[in-house]
Amino acid sequence: MTTTVTESNQVGIPPEIARDFDIHPGTQLEWAKAGEGTILVKLLPRRGELARQLMGAGRRWLKPEADPVGDLISEREQDDKLDQADERQ
């Protein structure tokens, strides 16, 4: 498969490669030199995939009775009350 670089250094990805690797608008690619005349292109994981990989990663540091979601909601409510108090002044 051959593609041509445009005047603005853009390259079209052949449809078969785009399909096989699920490349679509917004997909990030990392480019690297891999030797004389060779370029390496690596797909970077999507944000959703990164989030899935991190899901639950911090649980081992939580105390058994901890409620991080409840703590976050309480913090947000406190922030809202402070913001409302500032607006009244």
C-alpha atoms as a PDB file:
ATOM      1  CA  MET A   1       0.000   0.000   0.000  1.00  0.00           C
ATOM      2  CA  THR A   2       1.327   3.398  -0.937  1.00  0.00           C
ATOM      3  CA  THR A   3       0.181   6.839   0.160  1.00  0.00           C
ATOM      4  CA  THR A   4       1.413  10.317  -0.684  1.00  0.00           C
ATOM      5  CA  VAL A   5       2.265  13.099   1.749  1.00  0.00           C
ATOM      6  CA  THR A   6       0.345  16.332   1.046  1.00  0.00           C
ATOM      7  CA  GLU A   7       1.849  19.830   1.051  1.00  0.00           C
ATOM      8  CA  SER A   8       0.704  20.235   4.673  1.00  0.00           C
ATOM      9  CA  ASN A   9       2.499  16.980   5.709  1.00  0.00           C
ATOM     10  CA  GLN A  10      -0.729  14.991   5.975  1.00  0.00           C
ATOM     11  CA  VAL A  11      -0.886  11.318   5.080  1.00  0.00           C
ATOM     12  CA  GLY A  12      -3.950   9.285   4.181  1.00  0.00           C
ATOM     13  CA  ILE A  13      -4.270   5.932   5.937  1.00  0.00           C
ATOM     14  CA  PRO A  14      -5.281   3.137   3.583  1.00  0.00           C
ATOM     15  CA  PRO A  15      -8.873   2.004   4.326  1.00  0.00           C
ATOM     16  CA  GLU A  16      -7.867  -1.618   5.018  1.00  0.00           C
ATOM     17  CA  ILE A  17      -5.336  -0.519   7.663  1.00  0.00           C
ATOM     18  CA  ALA A  18      -7.810   1.950   9.195  1.00  0.00           C
ATOM     19  CA  ARG A  19     -10.434  -0.810   9.448  1.00  0.00           C
ATOM     20  CA  ASP A  20      -8.068  -3.461  10.805  1.00  0.00           C
ATOM     21  CA  PHE A  21      -6.721  -1.144  13.523  1.00  0.00           C
ATOM     22  CA  ASP A  22      -9.992   0.735  14.203  1.00  0.00           C
ATOM     23  CA  ILE A  23      -8.456   4.077  13.200  1.00  0.00           C
ATOM     24  CA  HIS A  24     -10.995   6.890  12.816  1.00  0.00           C
ATOM     25  CA  PRO A  25     -11.019  10.693  13.192  1.00  0.00           C
ATOM     26  CA  GLY A  26      -9.606  11.570  16.604  1.00  0.00           C
ATOM     27  CA  THR A  27      -7.391   8.489  16.883  1.00  0.00           C
ATOM     28  CA  GLN A  28      -3.932   9.517  18.079  1.00  0.00           C
ATOM     29  CA  LEU A  29      -0.823   8.061  16.490  1.00  0.00           C
ATOM     30  CA  GLU A  30       2.712   8.236  17.857  1.00  0.00           C
ATOM     31  CA  TRP A  31       5.487   8.534  15.276  1.00  0.00           C
ATOM     32  CA  ALA A  32       9.094   7.460  15.893  1.00  0.00           C
ATOM     33  CA  LYS A  33      12.284   6.884  13.943  1.00  0.00           C
ATOM     34  CA  ALA A  34      13.000   3.163  13.802  1.00  0.00           C
ATOM     35  CA  GLY A  35      16.193   3.141  11.778  1.00  0.00           C
ATOM     36  CA  GLU A  36      17.523   4.274   8.448  1.00  0.00           C
ATOM     37  CA  GLY A  37      14.524   4.988   6.216  1.00  0.00           C
ATOM     38  CA  THR A  38      12.047   3.389   8.635  1.00  0.00           C
ATOM     39  CA  ILE A  39       9.264   5.098  10.593  1.00  0.00           C
ATOM     40  CA  LEU A  40       7.326   3.397  13.370  1.00  0.00           C
ATOM     41  CA  VAL A  41       3.678   4.373  13.901  1.00  0.00           C
ATOM     42  CA  LYS A  42       2.008   3.308  17.144  1.00  0.00           C
ATOM     43  CA  LEU A  43      -1.667   3.651  18.077  1.00  0.00           C
ATOM     44  CA  LEU A  44      -2.139   5.440  21.386  1.00  0.00           C
ATOM     45  CA  PRO A  45      -4.906   4.100  23.608  1.00  0.00           C
ATOM     46  CA  ARG A  46      -8.168   6.038  23.677  1.00  0.00           C
ATOM     47  CA  ARG A  47      -9.166   7.867  26.849  1.00  0.00           C
ATOM     48  CA  GLY A  48     -11.873   5.307  27.579  1.00  0.00           C
ATOM     49  CA  GLU A  49      -9.366   2.465  27.357  1.00  0.00           C
ATOM     50  CA  LEU A  50      -6.963   4.290  29.678  1.00  0.00           C
ATOM     51  CA  ALA A  51      -9.810   4.810  32.156  1.00  0.00           C
ATOM     52  CA  ARG A  52     -10.708   1.096  32.020  1.00  0.00           C
ATOM     53  CA  GLN A  53      -7.071   0.175  32.700  1.00  0.00           C
ATOM     54  CA  LEU A  54      -7.012   2.435  35.762  1.00  0.00           C
ATOM     55  CA  MET A  55     -10.409   1.404  37.109  1.00  0.00           C
ATOM     56  CA  GLY A  56     -10.018   0.268  40.697  1.00  0.00           C
ATOM     57  CA  ALA A  57      -6.256   0.864  40.752  1.00  0.00           C
ATOM     58  CA  GLY A  58      -6.365   2.829  44.026  1.00  0.00           C
ATOM     59  CA  ARG A  59      -8.669   0.526  45.964  1.00  0.00           C
ATOM     60  CA  ARG A  60      -5.842  -1.159  47.841  1.00  0.00           C
ATOM     61  CA  TRP A  61      -5.061   2.128  49.642  1.00  0.00           C
ATOM     62  CA  LEU A  62      -8.639   2.704  50.827  1.00  0.00           C
ATOM     63  CA  LYS A  63      -9.670   1.845  54.344  1.00  0.00           C
ATOM     64  CA  PRO A  64     -12.537  -0.689  54.477  1.00  0.00           C
ATOM     65  CA  GLU A  65     -15.011   1.904  55.782  1.00  0.00           C
ATOM     66  CA  ALA A  66     -13.970   4.560  53.210  1.00  0.00           C
ATOM     67  CA  ASP A  67     -16.607   6.076  50.908  1.00  0.00           C
ATOM     68  CA  PRO A  68     -14.698   8.134  48.311  1.00  0.00           C
ATOM     69  CA  VAL A  69     -17.798   8.856  46.215  1.00  0.00           C
ATOM     70  CA  GLY A  70     -19.719  10.058  49.262  1.00  0.00           C
ATOM     71  CA  ASP A  71     -16.711  12.177  50.280  1.00  0.00           C
ATOM     72  CA  LEU A  72     -16.585  13.739  46.819  1.00  0.00           C
ATOM     73  CA  ILE A  73     -20.301  14.546  46.886  1.00  0.00           C
ATOM     74  CA  SER A  74     -19.908  16.152  50.336  1.00  0.00           C
ATOM     75  CA  GLU A  75     -16.954  18.204  49.077  1.00  0.00           C
ATOM     76  CA  ARG A  76     -18.949  19.405  46.066  1.00  0.00           C
ATOM     77  CA  GLU A  77     -21.889  20.375  48.304  1.00  0.00           C
ATOM     78  CA  GLN A  78     -19.515  22.323  50.569  1.00  0.00           C
ATOM     79  CA  ASP A  79     -18.016  24.078  47.541  1.00  0.00           C
ATOM     80  CA  ASP A  80     -21.506  24.982  46.275  1.00  0.00           C
ATOM     81  CA  LYS A  81     -22.408  26.477  49.673  1.00  0.00           C
ATOM     82  CA  LEU A  82     -19.192  28.513  49.718  1.00  0.00           C
ATOM     83  CA  ASP A  83     -19.819  29.741  46.160  1.00  0.00           C
ATOM     84  CA  GLN A  84     -23.361  30.786  47.046  1.00  0.00           C
ATOM     85  CA  ALA A  85     -22.087  32.641  50.128  1.00  0.00           C
ATOM     86  CA  ASP A  86     -19.506  34.464  47.983  1.00  0.00           C
ATOM     87  CA  GLU A  87     -22.179  35.495  45.463  1.00  0.00           C
ATOM     88  CA  ARG A  88     -24.290  37.055  48.232  1.00  0.00           C
ATOM     89  CA  GLN A  89     -21.455  39.356  49.296  1.00  0.00           C
END
